[in-house]
Protein backbone atom coordinates (compact mmCIF):
# COMPACT_ATOMS: atom_id res chain seq x y z
CA UNK A 1 20.00 19.58 -4.48
CA UNK A 2 22.03 16.08 -4.34
CA UNK A 3 19.52 13.18 -4.86
CA UNK A 4 20.73 9.52 -4.05
CA UNK A 5 18.93 6.38 -4.91
CA UNK A 6 19.93 3.40 -2.92
CA UNK A 7 18.88 -0.26 -4.15
CA UNK A 8 19.06 -2.63 -1.28
CA UNK A 9 17.70 -6.26 -0.71
CA UNK A 10 14.10 -6.15 0.70
CA UNK A 11 13.98 -7.26 4.33
CA UNK A 12 16.41 -4.70 5.92
CA UNK A 13 14.74 -2.89 8.86
CA UNK A 14 13.92 0.85 9.19
CA UNK A 15 16.58 1.21 11.61
CA UNK A 16 19.25 -0.16 9.02
CA UNK A 17 18.17 2.27 6.34
CA UNK A 18 17.98 5.11 8.76
CA UNK A 19 21.56 4.64 9.61
CA UNK A 20 22.51 4.35 5.74
CA UNK A 21 20.66 7.43 5.15
CA UNK A 22 22.41 9.29 8.02
CA UNK A 23 25.76 8.17 6.93
CA UNK A 24 25.07 9.21 3.30
CA UNK A 25 23.71 12.68 4.12
CA UNK A 26 26.89 13.20 6.39
CA UNK A 27 29.25 12.22 3.70
CA UNK A 28 27.59 14.35 0.97
CA UNK A 29 27.42 17.34 3.36
CA UNK A 30 30.96 17.06 4.40
CA UNK A 31 31.99 16.94 0.73
CA UNK A 32 29.90 19.79 -0.28
CA UNK A 33 29.12 22.16 2.43
CA UNK A 34 25.42 21.80 1.66
CA UNK A 35 22.83 21.49 4.43
CA UNK A 36 21.47 18.03 5.41
CA UNK A 37 18.11 19.24 4.41
CA UNK A 38 19.32 19.68 0.71
CA UNK A 39 20.18 15.82 0.20
CA UNK A 40 17.53 13.42 -0.83
CA UNK A 41 17.67 9.88 -0.14
CA UNK A 42 15.44 7.16 -1.47
CA UNK A 43 15.58 3.44 -1.04
CA UNK A 44 14.40 0.96 -3.46
CA UNK A 45 13.68 -2.56 -1.86
CA UNK A 46 14.62 -5.25 -4.49
CA UNK A 47 13.32 -8.83 -3.73
CA UNK A 48 16.18 -11.66 -3.73
CA UNK A 49 14.37 -13.06 -6.50
CA UNK A 50 14.48 -9.95 -8.67
CA UNK A 51 18.22 -9.25 -8.01
CA UNK A 52 20.59 -11.27 -9.95
CA UNK A 53 24.45 -11.52 -9.86
CA UNK A 54 25.24 -13.00 -13.28
CA UNK A 55 22.56 -15.01 -14.57
CA UNK A 56 21.66 -16.37 -11.12
CA UNK A 57 19.41 -14.77 -8.72
CA UNK A 58 20.43 -13.78 -4.96
CA UNK A 59 17.73 -16.05 -3.67
CA UNK A 60 19.37 -18.84 -5.63
CA UNK A 61 22.75 -18.11 -4.60
CA UNK A 62 21.91 -17.64 -0.95
CA UNK A 63 19.95 -21.18 -1.19
CA UNK A 64 23.12 -22.81 -2.58
CA UNK A 65 25.46 -21.18 0.31
CA UNK A 66 27.22 -19.03 -2.38
CA UNK A 67 26.26 -16.01 -0.76
């Protein structure tokens, strides 16, 4: 059974996560022929202060207008 772990910036709506999960399951089922019930998708919300690009947080990059 495929297990997909998706790290995403905290703050996305449940609707957005639902769409991402649906698309992920669809891609895997089409590629493998497995039923959708065999695909597990888990979201890990990460705050902008805990997500780094290089040595700067996403929060700092957003504040500076670089993201």
